[in-house]
Amino acid sequence: MTPLVLASTSRYRRELLARLGLPFDVDRPDVDEAPLAGESPAATATRLAEAKARVVAARHPGAWVIGSDQVADLAGAALGKAGGRDPALAQLQACSGQRVVFHTALCLLRHGEPARAALDRTEVVFRTLARDEILRYLDAEQPYDCAGSFKCEGLGISLFDAIHSQDPTALVGLPLIALSRALREAGYRLP
């Protein structure tokens, strides 16, 4: 079987990829994740997913490499990883009662092969959140390493009125439906 490498050190992406039951390695892509001037959140996610895959593929000739990136979009403004309690509080207060679109891009490539890319669009509808609710949530789950400052696979689900998605794994950080399709096209045997 052709080696498979995840171009990410995200534990969330590792856990998702492990669901597919394929052996894989992990390699840090070391890509500048800053958006370019005038770049939309969807374009940023797409560009970064491919950039991560290309950087890691250069170090792993012959391997198929998975790059992925996610950018949260609140009314055209990108929301990143908060990194701490106060920025997370500010993010969730801004999201309260709003619709936030999460653009999760995927790129599967191997040197000399055309890239297989996909972009998932998941819309999250936040319920109106009181400050004390947000603080209780942040203290309970500490989602500071997540775009949007929540973990939908945990207690963060209680912050929403609805999630609209074609792939629930995309919101966690790696769209497994699109990835499974791309891996089958690349010759991997999946159910």
Protein backbone atom coordinates (compact mmCIF):
# COMPACT_ATOMS: atom_id res chain seq x y z
CA MET A 1 0.00 0.00 0.00
CA THR A 2 1.26 3.47 -0.86
CA PRO A 3 2.30 5.38 2.27
CA LEU A 4 -0.20 7.93 3.52
CA VAL A 5 0.84 11.07 5.41
CA LEU A 6 -1.34 13.58 7.23
CA ALA A 7 0.11 17.07 6.82
CA SER A 8 -1.08 18.21 10.22
CA THR A 9 -0.29 17.86 13.89
CA SER A 10 -3.93 18.47 14.87
CA ARG A 11 -5.09 15.76 17.23
CA TYR A 12 -8.63 16.26 15.92
CA ARG A 13 -7.57 15.50 12.35
CA ARG A 14 -5.51 12.51 13.51
CA GLU A 15 -8.50 11.09 15.38
CA LEU A 16 -10.77 11.59 12.36
CA LEU A 17 -8.33 10.00 9.90
CA ALA A 18 -7.86 7.02 12.23
CA ARG A 19 -11.57 6.23 11.76
CA LEU A 20 -10.81 5.08 8.21
CA GLY A 21 -8.57 2.27 9.48
CA LEU A 22 -5.66 3.05 7.17
CA PRO A 23 -2.10 3.25 8.46
CA PHE A 24 -0.68 6.78 8.19
CA ASP A 25 2.15 8.97 9.38
CA VAL A 26 1.95 12.57 10.54
CA ASP A 27 4.22 15.43 9.51
CA ARG A 28 4.06 19.10 10.53
CA PRO A 29 3.63 21.28 7.42
CA ASP A 30 5.09 24.55 8.84
CA VAL A 31 3.06 26.80 6.54
CA ASP A 32 2.30 30.46 7.24
CA GLU A 33 -1.45 30.41 7.81
CA ALA A 34 -2.02 34.15 7.51
CA PRO A 35 -4.70 35.05 4.94
CA LEU A 36 -3.62 37.04 1.92
CA ALA A 37 -4.94 40.58 1.48
CA GLY A 38 -8.47 40.47 0.07
CA GLU A 39 -8.64 36.67 0.25
CA SER A 40 -12.01 35.18 1.17
CA PRO A 41 -12.18 32.64 4.02
CA ALA A 42 -13.03 29.84 1.53
CA ALA A 43 -10.05 30.78 -0.67
CA THR A 44 -7.76 30.89 2.37
CA ALA A 45 -8.81 27.40 3.47
CA THR A 46 -8.35 26.01 -0.05
CA ARG A 47 -4.94 27.61 -0.54
CA LEU A 48 -3.65 26.49 2.85
CA ALA A 49 -4.85 22.88 2.47
CA GLU A 50 -2.91 22.58 -0.78
CA ALA A 51 0.14 24.43 0.56
CA LYS A 52 0.33 22.10 3.57
CA ALA A 53 0.04 19.02 1.36
CA ARG A 54 2.71 20.28 -1.06
CA VAL A 55 5.23 21.12 1.68
CA VAL A 56 4.88 17.69 3.26
CA ALA A 57 4.78 15.85 -0.09
CA ALA A 58 8.19 17.33 -0.92
CA ARG A 59 9.56 15.51 2.14
CA HIS A 60 7.74 12.24 1.41
CA PRO A 61 8.27 11.32 -2.27
CA GLY A 62 5.89 8.61 -3.39
CA ALA A 63 3.46 9.07 -0.50
CA TRP A 64 -0.07 10.37 -0.77
CA VAL A 65 -0.34 13.42 1.47
CA ILE A 66 -3.47 14.86 3.04
CA GLY A 67 -3.62 18.60 3.63
CA SER A 68 -6.59 20.23 5.28
CA ASP A 69 -7.47 23.64 6.62
CA GLN A 70 -10.55 25.25 8.12
CA VAL A 71 -11.55 28.89 8.25
CA ALA A 72 -14.64 30.13 10.09
CA ASP A 73 -16.48 32.99 8.39
CA LEU A 74 -18.61 35.38 10.42
CA ALA A 75 -20.18 37.87 7.99
CA GLY A 76 -17.07 37.83 5.80
CA ALA A 77 -14.58 38.08 8.68
CA ALA A 78 -12.37 35.07 9.39
CA LEU A 79 -12.39 33.65 12.92
CA GLY A 80 -9.21 31.85 13.91
CA LYS A 81 -8.21 29.81 16.91
CA ALA A 82 -8.73 31.96 19.98
CA GLY A 83 -5.69 30.72 21.88
CA GLY A 84 -7.07 31.77 25.27
CA ARG A 85 -10.13 32.44 27.40
CA ASP A 86 -10.65 36.17 26.74
CA PRO A 87 -10.37 35.92 22.92
CA ALA A 88 -12.65 32.85 23.00
CA LEU A 89 -15.21 34.78 25.04
CA ALA A 90 -15.09 37.61 22.48
CA GLN A 91 -15.48 35.16 19.57
CA LEU A 92 -18.48 33.41 21.09
CA GLN A 93 -20.11 36.71 22.02
CA ALA A 94 -19.71 37.82 18.39
CA CYS A 95 -21.21 34.50 17.19
CA SER A 96 -24.19 34.68 19.56
CA GLY A 97 -27.42 34.60 17.54
CA GLN A 98 -25.46 34.53 14.27
CA ARG A 99 -24.83 32.16 11.36
CA VAL A 100 -21.18 31.20 10.95
CA VAL A 101 -19.92 29.36 7.89
CA PHE A 102 -17.02 26.94 8.30
CA HIS A 103 -15.02 26.33 5.13
CA THR A 104 -13.06 23.08 5.45
CA ALA A 105 -10.71 22.39 2.56
CA LEU A 106 -9.04 19.12 1.70
CA CYS A 107 -6.18 18.36 -0.67
CA LEU A 108 -4.86 14.86 -1.37
CA LEU A 109 -1.78 14.77 -3.55
CA ARG A 110 1.29 12.81 -4.50
CA HIS A 111 4.27 14.18 -6.39
CA GLY A 112 3.59 13.89 -10.14
CA GLU A 113 -0.15 13.29 -9.72
CA PRO A 114 -2.96 15.82 -10.04
CA ALA A 115 -4.25 17.06 -6.69
CA ARG A 116 -7.63 15.86 -5.52
CA ALA A 117 -9.32 18.73 -3.73
CA ALA A 118 -12.63 19.39 -2.02
CA LEU A 119 -14.20 22.21 -0.03
CA ASP A 120 -16.96 21.59 2.50
CA ARG A 121 -19.26 24.39 3.62
CA THR A 122 -20.91 23.89 6.99
CA GLU A 123 -23.25 26.50 8.41
CA VAL A 124 -23.60 26.73 12.18
CA VAL A 125 -26.52 28.67 13.65
CA PHE A 126 -25.63 29.85 17.14
CA ARG A 127 -28.40 30.38 19.62
CA THR A 128 -28.40 33.63 21.59
CA LEU A 129 -25.78 33.12 24.29
CA ALA A 130 -25.59 34.87 27.64
CA ARG A 131 -22.13 35.81 28.91
CA ASP A 132 -22.40 33.44 31.90
CA GLU A 133 -23.34 30.54 29.59
CA ILE A 134 -20.29 31.21 27.45
CA LEU A 135 -18.01 31.39 30.48
CA ARG A 136 -19.39 28.12 31.89
CA TYR A 137 -18.81 26.49 28.52
CA LEU A 138 -15.26 27.83 28.21
CA ASP A 139 -14.39 26.70 31.73
CA ALA A 140 -15.78 23.23 31.04
CA GLU A 141 -14.21 22.53 27.64
CA GLN A 142 -11.43 25.09 27.07
CA PRO A 143 -11.73 24.99 23.23
CA TYR A 144 -8.96 27.52 22.65
CA ASP A 145 -7.29 25.49 19.88
CA CYS A 146 -10.45 25.35 17.75
CA ALA A 147 -11.63 27.77 15.05
CA GLY A 148 -14.74 29.44 16.44
CA SER A 149 -13.91 28.50 20.05
CA PHE A 150 -16.09 25.41 20.38
CA LYS A 151 -15.99 21.63 20.03
CA CYS A 152 -19.15 20.43 18.29
CA GLU A 153 -18.24 16.83 19.15
CA GLY A 154 -18.43 17.75 22.85
CA LEU A 155 -20.37 20.20 25.01
CA GLY A 156 -20.09 22.86 22.29
CA ILE A 157 -23.08 21.30 20.56
CA SER A 158 -25.24 22.97 23.24
CA LEU A 159 -24.34 26.40 21.83
CA PHE A 160 -26.25 25.86 18.57
CA ASP A 161 -29.75 26.02 17.22
CA ALA A 162 -28.73 24.11 14.06
CA ILE A 163 -25.89 22.77 11.94
CA HIS A 164 -26.32 22.50 8.17
CA SER A 165 -23.75 20.23 6.57
CA GLN A 166 -23.25 17.46 4.06
CA ASP A 167 -20.39 16.01 6.14
CA PRO A 168 -20.48 16.32 9.94
CA THR A 169 -16.78 15.44 10.22
CA ALA A 170 -15.85 18.57 8.28
CA LEU A 171 -16.83 20.78 11.20
CA VAL A 172 -14.35 18.88 13.40
CA GLY A 173 -11.60 19.59 10.85
CA LEU A 174 -11.33 16.88 8.17
CA PRO A 175 -14.16 16.09 5.70
CA LEU A 176 -14.06 12.29 5.73
CA ILE A 177 -16.70 11.79 3.04
CA ALA A 178 -14.68 13.78 0.50
CA LEU A 179 -11.42 12.26 1.75
CA SER A 180 -12.78 8.71 1.41
CA ARG A 181 -13.80 9.47 -2.17
CA ALA A 182 -10.35 10.90 -2.98
CA LEU A 183 -8.56 7.96 -1.34
CA ARG A 184 -10.61 5.44 -3.35
CA GLU A 185 -9.71 7.37 -6.53
CA ALA A 186 -6.04 7.14 -5.48
CA GLY A 187 -6.32 3.36 -5.15
CA TYR A 188 -6.91 2.84 -1.43
CA ARG A 189 -9.36 0.10 -0.50
CA LEU A 190 -12.12 1.36 1.76
CA PRO A 191 -15.53 -0.18 2.39
